[in-house]
Amino acid sequence: LFVRITNPEGSLLGGGRTFVFEDADVPYTDSKKIEYDGQEMQVTIYWNVDVALNQGEYRVEVFADNYRLGSRSFMMKWYAENDFLKSLNRVSQKNLAHPYFFVPILLFVNQESC
């Protein structure tokens, strides 16, 4: 799987590596090798954020075997610390020391498209 994440300005996050899609070299953010056996499976890709993230709309695209499997956009918003803490049921200062975000991308692929 190849994952592309673009920021609100349209720039690719990460990058430096490419894959071939429709006879062109396409830069990607991160990738993961998987063995698809025709059954439903959960795949998680962790990408280490190494740049400052701005507020705005980000886009995630997922590719495999010369197919664009899907894409999703999401909004990144910053909250005042008190508002953020109020929005969580259980939070500790320890958990806040490592800010991660999770973007669920659900893809449904039938066997004919693989």
Protein backbone atom coordinates (compact mmCIF):
# COMPACT_ATOMS: atom_id res chain seq x y z
CA LEU A 1 0.00 0.00 0.00
CA PHE A 2 1.16 3.51 -0.75
CA VAL A 3 -0.24 6.45 1.20
CA ARG A 4 -0.13 10.08 0.13
CA ILE A 5 -0.97 12.83 2.62
CA THR A 6 -1.22 16.40 1.35
CA ASN A 7 -1.50 19.49 3.55
CA PRO A 8 -3.94 22.39 3.11
CA GLU A 9 -1.50 24.07 0.72
CA GLY A 10 -1.46 20.94 -1.46
CA SER A 11 2.11 19.94 -0.62
CA LEU A 12 2.91 16.30 -0.02
CA LEU A 13 3.93 15.43 3.53
CA GLY A 14 6.97 13.21 3.75
CA GLY A 15 8.00 12.20 0.30
CA GLY A 16 11.27 11.61 -1.41
CA ARG A 17 10.20 8.17 -2.60
CA THR A 18 7.97 7.32 -5.56
CA PHE A 19 5.81 4.50 -6.89
CA VAL A 20 4.50 3.90 -10.41
CA PHE A 21 0.85 4.75 -11.01
CA GLU A 22 -0.63 4.96 -14.51
CA ASP A 23 2.87 4.97 -16.05
CA ALA A 24 4.06 7.93 -13.95
CA ASP A 25 6.28 8.19 -10.89
CA VAL A 26 4.12 9.43 -8.02
CA PRO A 27 5.65 10.62 -4.73
CA TYR A 28 4.20 9.14 -1.55
CA THR A 29 4.23 9.80 2.18
CA ASP A 30 4.60 6.23 3.45
CA SER A 31 4.03 2.62 2.44
CA LYS A 32 3.44 -0.83 3.87
CA LYS A 33 3.75 -4.28 2.31
CA ILE A 34 0.78 -6.55 2.91
CA GLU A 35 -0.29 -9.94 1.65
CA TYR A 36 -3.96 -9.76 0.64
CA ASP A 37 -5.63 -13.17 0.90
CA GLY A 38 -9.12 -12.19 -0.26
CA GLN A 39 -10.43 -11.76 3.28
CA GLU A 40 -11.32 -8.60 5.16
CA MET A 41 -8.30 -7.27 7.00
CA GLN A 42 -7.30 -4.30 9.08
CA VAL A 43 -4.15 -2.44 8.06
CA THR A 44 -2.57 0.36 10.07
CA ILE A 45 0.23 2.59 8.85
CA TYR A 46 1.96 4.86 11.34
CA TRP A 47 3.73 7.85 9.88
CA ASN A 48 6.08 9.86 12.07
CA VAL A 49 5.11 13.51 11.71
CA ASP A 50 8.33 15.46 11.22
CA VAL A 51 6.95 18.86 10.20
CA ALA A 52 4.67 21.46 11.78
CA LEU A 53 1.06 20.80 10.85
CA ASN A 54 -1.12 23.79 10.00
CA GLN A 55 -4.84 24.04 10.52
CA GLY A 56 -6.92 23.25 7.46
CA GLU A 57 -8.05 20.43 5.20
CA TYR A 58 -5.69 17.50 4.63
CA ARG A 59 -6.17 14.78 2.03
CA VAL A 60 -5.17 11.11 2.33
CA GLU A 61 -5.01 8.85 -0.73
CA VAL A 62 -4.34 5.11 -0.72
CA PHE A 63 -2.95 3.16 -3.69
CA ALA A 64 -2.10 -0.49 -4.35
CA ASP A 65 -1.19 -2.51 -7.45
CA ASN A 66 -1.76 0.41 -9.84
CA TYR A 67 -5.22 1.15 -8.35
CA ARG A 68 -6.30 4.21 -6.42
CA LEU A 69 -8.22 2.45 -3.63
CA GLY A 70 -9.69 5.53 -2.05
CA SER A 71 -9.22 8.93 -0.54
CA ARG A 72 -10.52 10.96 2.35
CA SER A 73 -10.19 14.56 3.49
CA PHE A 74 -10.16 15.70 7.09
CA MET A 75 -9.92 19.01 8.93
CA MET A 76 -7.07 19.69 11.33
CA LYS A 77 -8.11 22.20 13.99
CA TRP A 78 -6.33 23.50 17.05
CA TYR A 79 -8.16 23.91 20.32
CA ALA A 80 -7.35 25.88 23.42
CA GLU A 81 -5.89 23.51 26.04
CA ASN A 82 -8.92 23.79 28.34
CA ASP A 83 -11.36 23.08 25.48
CA PHE A 84 -9.27 20.10 24.42
CA LEU A 85 -9.14 18.69 27.95
CA LYS A 86 -12.90 19.13 28.36
CA SER A 87 -13.52 17.22 25.12
CA LEU A 88 -11.80 14.08 26.41
CA ASN A 89 -13.35 11.76 28.97
CA ARG A 90 -10.05 10.42 30.32
CA VAL A 91 -6.83 12.26 29.81
CA SER A 92 -3.61 12.68 31.71
CA GLN A 93 -0.73 15.10 31.26
CA LYS A 94 1.42 12.09 30.33
CA ASN A 95 -0.84 11.32 27.36
CA LEU A 96 -0.67 14.93 26.17
CA ALA A 97 3.13 14.83 25.99
CA HIS A 98 3.00 12.83 22.74
CA PRO A 99 0.48 14.39 20.32
CA TYR A 100 -0.61 11.85 17.71
CA PHE A 101 -3.62 11.96 15.48
CA PHE A 102 -5.43 9.10 13.83
CA VAL A 103 -7.22 9.27 10.51
CA PRO A 104 -9.41 6.26 9.85
CA ILE A 105 -9.67 5.38 6.18
CA LEU A 106 -12.14 2.61 5.46
CA LEU A 107 -11.70 0.87 2.14
CA PHE A 108 -13.97 -1.79 0.76
CA VAL A 109 -12.35 -3.71 -2.05
CA ASN A 110 -14.00 -6.59 -3.84
CA GLN A 111 -11.99 -9.45 -5.27
CA GLU A 112 -12.71 -8.43 -8.88
CA SER A 113 -10.80 -5.17 -8.42
CA CYS A 114 -7.65 -6.85 -7.04
